[in-house]
Amino acid sequence: MENKEVQTKVEEALSTIRPYLQADGGDIDLIEITDDMIVKVEMTGACNACPFSIQTLKAGVEAGIKKSIPEIKEVVAINFETI
């Protein structure tokens, strides 16, 4: 799968997840898809400070993206890398 195709599929997956995050005052931005198929995102708004954001990232965002694009190995939030 070409990188542009992967990016389009990831954006589509995020667009289905985004309304749930926005309902709680948060959002998510796609930052990068690495060559080794790791998706880097930034959790914004209320999601940036929420203590449940890591669980939301793994159980919601990562699971949703991997369901659509099984080639994705992991989803990480750049603003949680220091946690």
PDB file of N, CA and C in Angstrom:
ATOM      1  N   MET A   1       0.849  -1.170   0.000  1.00  0.00           N
ATOM      2  CA  MET A   1       0.000   0.000   0.000  1.00  0.00           C
ATOM      3  C   MET A   1       0.898   1.239   0.000  1.00  0.00           C
ATOM      4  N   GLU A   2       0.619   2.179  -0.868  1.00  0.00           N
ATOM      5  CA  GLU A   2       1.410   3.397  -0.962  1.00  0.00           C
ATOM      6  C   GLU A   2       1.098   4.331   0.207  1.00  0.00           C
ATOM      7  N   ASN A   3       2.085   5.161   0.549  1.00  0.00           N
ATOM      8  CA  ASN A   3       1.947   6.054   1.696  1.00  0.00           C
ATOM      9  C   ASN A   3       0.744   6.983   1.557  1.00  0.00           C
ATOM     10  N   LYS A   4       0.501   7.498   0.361  1.00  0.00           N
ATOM     11  CA  LYS A   4      -0.639   8.401   0.155  1.00  0.00           C
ATOM     12  C   LYS A   4      -1.958   7.669   0.402  1.00  0.00           C
ATOM     13  N   GLU A   5      -2.025   6.429  -0.032  1.00  0.00           N
ATOM     14  CA  GLU A   5      -3.222   5.613   0.183  1.00  0.00           C
ATOM     15  C   GLU A   5      -3.421   5.329   1.676  1.00  0.00           C
ATOM     16  N   VAL A   6      -2.328   5.028   2.367  1.00  0.00           N
ATOM     17  CA  VAL A   6      -2.395   4.791   3.812  1.00  0.00           C
ATOM     18  C   VAL A   6      -2.852   6.058   4.516  1.00  0.00           C
ATOM     19  N   GLN A   7      -2.286   7.195   4.124  1.00  0.00           N
ATOM     20  CA  GLN A   7      -2.665   8.460   4.755  1.00  0.00           C
ATOM     21  C   GLN A   7      -4.152   8.751   4.562  1.00  0.00           C
ATOM     22  N   THR A   8      -4.651   8.502   3.373  1.00  0.00           N
ATOM     23  CA  THR A   8      -6.075   8.719   3.099  1.00  0.00           C
ATOM     24  C   THR A   8      -6.937   7.818   3.980  1.00  0.00           C
ATOM     25  N   LYS A   9      -6.556   6.557   4.092  1.00  0.00           N
ATOM     26  CA  LYS A   9      -7.325   5.616   4.921  1.00  0.00           C
ATOM     27  C   LYS A   9      -7.264   5.996   6.396  1.00  0.00           C
ATOM     28  N   VAL A  10      -6.113   6.454   6.869  1.00  0.00           N
ATOM     29  CA  VAL A  10      -5.992   6.884   8.269  1.00  0.00           C
ATOM     30  C   VAL A  10      -6.869   8.108   8.506  1.00  0.00           C
ATOM     31  N   GLU A  11      -6.840   9.063   7.584  1.00  0.00           N
ATOM     32  CA  GLU A  11      -7.686  10.260   7.717  1.00  0.00           C
ATOM     33  C   GLU A  11      -9.168   9.874   7.745  1.00  0.00           C
ATOM     34  N   GLU A  12      -9.547   8.915   6.913  1.00  0.00           N
ATOM     35  CA  GLU A  12     -10.945   8.450   6.908  1.00  0.00           C
ATOM     36  C   GLU A  12     -11.305   7.807   8.244  1.00  0.00           C
ATOM     37  N   ALA A  13     -10.409   7.002   8.791  1.00  0.00           N
ATOM     38  CA  ALA A  13     -10.659   6.366  10.085  1.00  0.00           C
ATOM     39  C   ALA A  13     -10.772   7.424  11.178  1.00  0.00           C
ATOM     40  N   LEU A  14      -9.889   8.416  11.138  1.00  0.00           N
ATOM     41  CA  LEU A  14      -9.944   9.485  12.143  1.00  0.00           C
ATOM     42  C   LEU A  14     -11.237  10.287  12.027  1.00  0.00           C
ATOM     43  N   SER A  15     -11.741  10.457  10.814  1.00  0.00           N
ATOM     44  CA  SER A  15     -12.976  11.231  10.641  1.00  0.00           C
ATOM     45  C   SER A  15     -14.174  10.524  11.269  1.00  0.00           C
ATOM     46  N   THR A  16     -14.119   9.194  11.411  1.00  0.00           N
ATOM     47  CA  THR A  16     -15.218   8.483  12.070  1.00  0.00           C
ATOM     48  C   THR A  16     -15.082   8.542  13.595  1.00  0.00           C
ATOM     49  N   ILE A  17     -13.852   8.709  14.077  1.00  0.00           N
ATOM     50  CA  ILE A  17     -13.580   8.767  15.522  1.00  0.00           C
ATOM     51  C   ILE A  17     -13.726  10.195  16.057  1.00  0.00           C
ATOM     52  N   ARG A  18     -13.364  11.158  15.236  1.00  0.00           N
ATOM     53  CA  ARG A  18     -13.303  12.565  15.639  1.00  0.00           C
ATOM     54  C   ARG A  18     -14.591  13.091  16.301  1.00  0.00           C
ATOM     55  N   PRO A  19     -15.791  12.781  15.811  1.00  0.00           N
ATOM     56  CA  PRO A  19     -17.003  13.323  16.452  1.00  0.00           C
ATOM     57  C   PRO A  19     -17.134  12.943  17.933  1.00  0.00           C
ATOM     58  N   TYR A  20     -16.675  11.751  18.292  1.00  0.00           N
ATOM     59  CA  TYR A  20     -16.744  11.329  19.694  1.00  0.00           C
ATOM     60  C   TYR A  20     -15.802  12.162  20.556  1.00  0.00           C
ATOM     61  N   LEU A  21     -14.631  12.457  20.027  1.00  0.00           N
ATOM     62  CA  LEU A  21     -13.674  13.287  20.757  1.00  0.00           C
ATOM     63  C   LEU A  21     -14.182  14.725  20.856  1.00  0.00           C
ATOM     64  N   GLN A  22     -14.731  15.227  19.767  1.00  0.00           N
ATOM     65  CA  GLN A  22     -15.230  16.600  19.745  1.00  0.00           C
ATOM     66  C   GLN A  22     -16.427  16.786  20.674  1.00  0.00           C
ATOM     67  N   ALA A  23     -17.217  15.747  20.856  1.00  0.00           N
ATOM     68  CA  ALA A  23     -18.368  15.828  21.763  1.00  0.00           C
ATOM     69  C   ALA A  23     -17.921  16.100  23.199  1.00  0.00           C
ATOM     70  N   ASP A  24     -16.693  15.693  23.529  1.00  0.00           N
ATOM     71  CA  ASP A  24     -16.150  15.937  24.871  1.00  0.00           C
ATOM     72  C   ASP A  24     -15.176  17.108  24.891  1.00  0.00           C
ATOM     73  N   GLY A  25     -15.158  17.908  23.823  1.00  0.00           N
ATOM     74  CA  GLY A  25     -14.314  19.091  23.787  1.00  0.00           C
ATOM     75  C   GLY A  25     -12.889  18.843  23.323  1.00  0.00           C
ATOM     76  N   GLY A  26     -12.640  17.675  22.746  1.00  0.00           N
ATOM     77  CA  GLY A  26     -11.292  17.358  22.275  1.00  0.00           C
ATOM     78  C   GLY A  26     -11.252  17.180  20.773  1.00  0.00           C
ATOM     79  N   ASP A  27     -10.087  16.802  20.294  1.00  0.00           N
ATOM     80  CA  ASP A  27      -9.915  16.527  18.870  1.00  0.00           C
ATOM     81  C   ASP A  27      -8.607  15.770  18.680  1.00  0.00           C
ATOM     82  N   ILE A  28      -8.323  15.416  17.447  1.00  0.00           N
ATOM     83  CA  ILE A  28      -7.107  14.675  17.130  1.00  0.00           C
ATOM     84  C   ILE A  28      -6.617  15.117  15.764  1.00  0.00           C
ATOM     85  N   ASP A  29      -5.300  15.279  15.647  1.00  0.00           N
ATOM     86  CA  ASP A  29      -4.687  15.681  14.389  1.00  0.00           C
ATOM     87  C   ASP A  29      -3.661  14.629  13.973  1.00  0.00           C
ATOM     88  N   LEU A  30      -3.683  14.267  12.703  1.00  0.00           N
ATOM     89  CA  LEU A  30      -2.669  13.369  12.156  1.00  0.00           C
ATOM     90  C   LEU A  30      -1.396  14.174  11.943  1.00  0.00           C
ATOM     91  N   ILE A  31      -0.297  13.698  12.517  1.00  0.00           N
ATOM     92  CA  ILE A  31       0.990  14.371  12.382  1.00  0.00           C
ATOM     93  C   ILE A  31       1.857  13.688  11.342  1.00  0.00           C
ATOM     94  N   GLU A  32       1.954  12.356  11.425  1.00  0.00           N
ATOM     95  CA  GLU A  32       2.875  11.635  10.543  1.00  0.00           C
ATOM     96  C   GLU A  32       2.538  10.151  10.531  1.00  0.00           C
ATOM     97  N   ILE A  33       2.855   9.525   9.428  1.00  0.00           N
ATOM     98  CA  ILE A  33       2.851   8.061   9.340  1.00  0.00           C
ATOM     99  C   ILE A  33       4.276   7.676   8.975  1.00  0.00           C
ATOM    100  N   THR A  34       4.939   6.960   9.862  1.00  0.00           N
ATOM    101  CA  THR A  34       6.339   6.621   9.636  1.00  0.00           C
ATOM    102  C   THR A  34       6.459   5.497   8.615  1.00  0.00           C
ATOM    103  N   ASP A  35       7.684   5.302   8.117  1.00  0.00           N
ATOM    104  CA  ASP A  35       7.940   4.241   7.144  1.00  0.00           C
ATOM    105  C   ASP A  35       7.656   2.851   7.713  1.00  0.00           C
ATOM    106  N   ASP A  36       7.786   2.722   9.050  1.00  0.00           N
ATOM    107  CA  ASP A  36       7.507   1.422   9.670  1.00  0.00           C
ATOM    108  C   ASP A  36       6.063   1.319  10.171  1.00  0.00           C
ATOM    109  N   MET A  37       5.172   2.156   9.581  1.00  0.00           N
ATOM    110  CA  MET A  37       3.720   2.081   9.788  1.00  0.00           C
ATOM    111  C   MET A  37       3.284   2.397  11.218  1.00  0.00           C
ATOM    112  N   ILE A  38       3.892   3.387  11.806  1.00  0.00           N
ATOM    113  CA  ILE A  38       3.445   3.910  13.091  1.00  0.00           C
ATOM    114  C   ILE A  38       2.786   5.256  12.825  1.00  0.00           C
ATOM    115  N   VAL A  39       1.570   5.407  13.303  1.00  0.00           N
ATOM    116  CA  VAL A  39       0.820   6.635  13.114  1.00  0.00           C
ATOM    117  C   VAL A  39       1.079   7.540  14.312  1.00  0.00           C
ATOM    118  N   LYS A  40       1.498   8.771  14.025  1.00  0.00           N
ATOM    119  CA  LYS A  40       1.718   9.751  15.083  1.00  0.00           C
ATOM    120  C   LYS A  40       0.613  10.796  14.997  1.00  0.00           C
ATOM    121  N   VAL A  41      -0.045  10.998  16.134  1.00  0.00           N
ATOM    122  CA  VAL A  41      -1.149  11.944  16.210  1.00  0.00           C
ATOM    123  C   VAL A  41      -0.897  12.916  17.357  1.00  0.00           C
ATOM    124  N   GLU A  42      -1.675  13.969  17.379  1.00  0.00           N
ATOM    125  CA  GLU A  42      -1.659  14.883  18.523  1.00  0.00           C
ATOM    126  C   GLU A  42      -3.080  15.001  19.046  1.00  0.00           C
ATOM    127  N   MET A  43      -3.237  14.705  20.316  1.00  0.00           N
ATOM    128  CA  MET A  43      -4.531  14.862  20.969  1.00  0.00           C
ATOM    129  C   MET A  43      -4.624  16.328  21.391  1.00  0.00           C
ATOM    130  N   THR A  44      -5.729  16.995  21.056  1.00  0.00           N
ATOM    131  CA  THR A  44      -5.863  18.418  21.327  1.00  0.00           C
ATOM    132  C   THR A  44      -7.120  18.711  22.138  1.00  0.00           C
ATOM    133  N   GLY A  45      -7.239  19.955  22.561  1.00  0.00           N
ATOM    134  CA  GLY A  45      -8.394  20.373  23.343  1.00  0.00           C
ATOM    135  C   GLY A  45      -8.454  19.631  24.661  1.00  0.00           C
ATOM    136  N   ALA A  46      -9.634  19.231  25.053  1.00  0.00           N
ATOM    137  CA  ALA A  46      -9.825  18.528  26.323  1.00  0.00           C
ATOM    138  C   ALA A  46      -9.082  17.196  26.356  1.00  0.00           C
ATOM    139  N   CYS A  47      -8.854  16.601  25.194  1.00  0.00           N
ATOM    140  CA  CYS A  47      -8.149  15.302  25.134  1.00  0.00           C
ATOM    141  C   CYS A  47      -6.687  15.425  25.558  1.00  0.00           C
ATOM    142  N   ASN A  48      -6.129  16.610  25.427  1.00  0.00           N
ATOM    143  CA  ASN A  48      -4.727  16.796  25.779  1.00  0.00           C
ATOM    144  C   ASN A  48      -4.501  16.668  27.277  1.00  0.00           C
ATOM    145  N   ALA A  49      -5.464  17.085  28.079  1.00  0.00           N
ATOM    146  CA  ALA A  49      -5.297  17.088  29.528  1.00  0.00           C
ATOM    147  C   ALA A  49      -6.101  15.999  30.239  1.00  0.00           C
ATOM    148  N   CYS A  50      -6.910  15.276  29.520  1.00  0.00           N
ATOM    149  CA  CYS A  50      -7.776  14.267  30.131  1.00  0.00           C
ATOM    150  C   CYS A  50      -6.964  13.067  30.617  1.00  0.00           C
ATOM    151  N   PRO A  51      -7.213  12.616  31.848  1.00  0.00           N
ATOM    152  CA  PRO A  51      -6.469  11.460  32.353  1.00  0.00           C
ATOM    153  C   PRO A  51      -6.808  10.152  31.626  1.00  0.00           C
ATOM    154  N   PHE A  52      -7.891  10.128  30.871  1.00  0.00           N
ATOM    155  CA  PHE A  52      -8.288   8.922  30.134  1.00  0.00           C
ATOM    156  C   PHE A  52      -7.836   8.941  28.677  1.00  0.00           C
ATOM    157  N   SER A  53      -7.084   9.957  28.291  1.00  0.00           N
ATOM    158  CA  SER A  53      -6.683  10.103  26.893  1.00  0.00           C
ATOM    159  C   SER A  53      -5.842   8.942  26.381  1.00  0.00           C
ATOM    160  N   ILE A  54      -4.970   8.407  27.200  1.00  0.00           N
ATOM    161  CA  ILE A  54      -4.141   7.283  26.750  1.00  0.00           C
ATOM    162  C   ILE A  54      -5.024   6.070  26.464  1.00  0.00           C
ATOM    163  N   GLN A  55      -6.024   5.841  27.323  1.00  0.00           N
ATOM    164  CA  GLN A  55      -6.951   4.730  27.085  1.00  0.00           C
ATOM    165  C   GLN A  55      -7.783   4.992  25.832  1.00  0.00           C
ATOM    166  N   THR A  56      -8.208   6.226  25.649  1.00  0.00           N
ATOM    167  CA  THR A  56      -8.956   6.584  24.446  1.00  0.00           C
ATOM    168  C   THR A  56      -8.097   6.362  23.214  1.00  0.00           C
ATOM    169  N   LEU A  57      -6.833   6.744  23.310  1.00  0.00           N
ATOM    170  CA  LEU A  57      -5.918   6.589  22.190  1.00  0.00           C
ATOM    171  C   LEU A  57      -5.764   5.121  21.812  1.00  0.00           C
ATOM    172  N   LYS A  58      -5.523   4.267  22.780  1.00  0.00           N
ATOM    173  CA  LYS A  58      -5.255   2.853  22.501  1.00  0.00           C
ATOM    174  C   LYS A  58      -6.533   2.070  22.194  1.00  0.00           C
ATOM    175  N   ALA A  59      -7.545   2.209  23.042  1.00  0.00           N
ATOM    176  CA  ALA A  59      -8.765   1.407  22.888  1.00  0.00           C
ATOM    177  C   ALA A  59      -9.694   1.945  21.807  1.00  0.00           C
ATOM    178  N   GLY A  60      -9.665   3.245  21.588  1.00  0.00           N
ATOM    179  CA  GLY A  60     -10.565   3.830  20.595  1.00  0.00           C
ATOM    180  C   GLY A  60      -9.878   4.131  19.277  1.00  0.00           C
ATOM    181  N   VAL A  61      -8.917   5.039  19.331  1.00  0.00           N
ATOM    182  CA  VAL A  61      -8.272   5.509  18.107  1.00  0.00           C
ATOM    183  C   VAL A  61      -7.442   4.407  17.451  1.00  0.00           C
ATOM    184  N   GLU A  62      -6.534   3.810  18.208  1.00  0.00           N
ATOM    185  CA  GLU A  62      -5.676   2.769  17.625  1.00  0.00           C
ATOM    186  C   GLU A  62      -6.497   1.583  17.129  1.00  0.00           C
ATOM    187  N   ALA A  63      -7.456   1.147  17.914  1.00  0.00           N
ATOM    188  CA  ALA A  63      -8.286   0.009  17.505  1.00  0.00           C
ATOM    189  C   ALA A  63      -9.062   0.326  16.232  1.00  0.00           C
ATOM    190  N   GLY A  64      -9.606   1.540  16.147  1.00  0.00           N
ATOM    191  CA  GLY A  64     -10.357   1.935  14.955  1.00  0.00           C
ATOM    192  C   GLY A  64      -9.499   2.009  13.710  1.00  0.00           C
ATOM    193  N   ILE A  65      -8.300   2.552  13.865  1.00  0.00           N
ATOM    194  CA  ILE A  65      -7.397   2.660  12.722  1.00  0.00           C
ATOM    195  C   ILE A  65      -6.921   1.279  12.288  1.00  0.00           C
ATOM    196  N   LYS A  66      -6.537   0.442  13.248  1.00  0.00           N
ATOM    197  CA  LYS A  66      -6.054  -0.899  12.899  1.00  0.00           C
ATOM    198  C   LYS A  66      -7.153  -1.756  12.264  1.00  0.00           C
ATOM    199  N   LYS A  67      -8.391  -1.515  12.649  1.00  0.00           N
ATOM    200  CA  LYS A  67      -9.504  -2.260  12.051  1.00  0.00           C
ATOM    201  C   LYS A  67      -9.619  -1.916  10.564  1.00  0.00           C
ATOM    202  N   SER A  68      -9.412  -0.655  10.234  1.00  0.00           N
ATOM    203  CA  SER A  68      -9.494  -0.212   8.839  1.00  0.00           C
ATOM    204  C   SER A  68      -8.221  -0.498   8.055  1.00  0.00           C
ATOM    205  N   ILE A  69      -7.078  -0.390   8.739  1.00  0.00           N
ATOM    206  CA  ILE A  69      -5.780  -0.546   8.084  1.00  0.00           C
ATOM    207  C   ILE A  69      -4.920  -1.474   8.935  1.00  0.00           C
ATOM    208  N   PRO A  70      -5.035  -2.786   8.755  1.00  0.00           N
ATOM    209  CA  PRO A  70      -4.317  -3.747   9.593  1.00  0.00           C
ATOM    210  C   PRO A  70      -2.792  -3.621   9.521  1.00  0.00           C
ATOM    211  N   GLU A  71      -2.283  -2.980   8.463  1.00  0.00           N
ATOM    212  CA  GLU A  71      -0.832  -2.818   8.320  1.00  0.00           C
ATOM    213  C   GLU A  71      -0.244  -1.863   9.361  1.00  0.00           C
ATOM    214  N   ILE A  72      -1.092  -1.037   9.971  1.00  0.00           N
ATOM    215  CA  ILE A  72      -0.614  -0.089  10.988  1.00  0.00           C
ATOM    216  C   ILE A  72      -0.183  -0.878  12.213  1.00  0.00           C
ATOM    217  N   LYS A  73       1.030  -0.589  12.690  1.00  0.00           N
ATOM    218  CA  LYS A  73       1.576  -1.309  13.846  1.00  0.00           C
ATOM    219  C   LYS A  73       1.157  -0.686  15.169  1.00  0.00           C
ATOM    220  N   GLU A  74       1.094   0.654  15.203  1.00  0.00           N
ATOM    221  CA  GLU A  74       0.812   1.335  16.466  1.00  0.00           C
ATOM    222  C   GLU A  74       0.370   2.759  16.177  1.00  0.00           C
ATOM    223  N   VAL A  75      -0.388   3.320  17.116  1.00  0.00           N
ATOM    224  CA  VAL A  75      -0.746   4.728  17.075  1.00  0.00           C
ATOM    225  C   VAL A  75      -0.208   5.355  18.351  1.00  0.00           C
ATOM    226  N   VAL A  76       0.566   6.416  18.207  1.00  0.00           N
ATOM    227  CA  VAL A  76       1.137   7.103  19.361  1.00  0.00           C
ATOM    228  C   VAL A  76       0.791   8.584  19.286  1.00  0.00           C
ATOM    229  N   ALA A  77       0.626   9.182  20.451  1.00  0.00           N
ATOM    230  CA  ALA A  77       0.365  10.623  20.527  1.00  0.00           C
ATOM    231  C   ALA A  77       1.669  11.328  20.841  1.00  0.00           C
ATOM    232  N   ILE A  78       2.040  12.274  20.010  1.00  0.00           N
ATOM    233  CA  ILE A  78       3.313  12.967  20.222  1.00  0.00           C
ATOM    234  C   ILE A  78       3.310  13.771  21.510  1.00  0.00           C
ATOM    235  N   ASN A  79       2.144  14.211  21.949  1.00  0.00           N
ATOM    236  CA  ASN A  79       2.085  14.984  23.179  1.00  0.00           C
ATOM    237  C   ASN A  79       2.030  14.094  24.428  1.00  0.00           C
ATOM    238  N   PHE A  80       2.063  12.765  24.262  1.00  0.00           N
ATOM    239  CA  PHE A  80       2.117  11.843  25.407  1.00  0.00           C
ATOM    240  C   PHE A  80       3.459  11.130  25.478  1.00  0.00           C
ATOM    241  N   GLU A  81       4.370  11.398  24.553  1.00  0.00           N
ATOM    242  CA  GLU A  81       5.635  10.661  24.499  1.00  0.00           C
ATOM    243  C   GLU A  81       6.487  10.853  25.748  1.00  0.00           C
ATOM    244  N   THR A  82       6.267  11.932  26.468  1.00  0.00           N
ATOM    245  CA  THR A  82       7.068  12.189  27.667  1.00  0.00           C
ATOM    246  C   THR A  82       6.422  11.642  28.934  1.00  0.00           C
ATOM    247  N   ILE A  83       5.206  11.094  28.811  1.00  0.00           N
ATOM    248  CA  ILE A  83       4.492  10.571  29.980  1.00  0.00           C
ATOM    249  C   ILE A  83       5.055   9.231  30.361  1.00  0.00           C
TER     250      ILE A  83
END
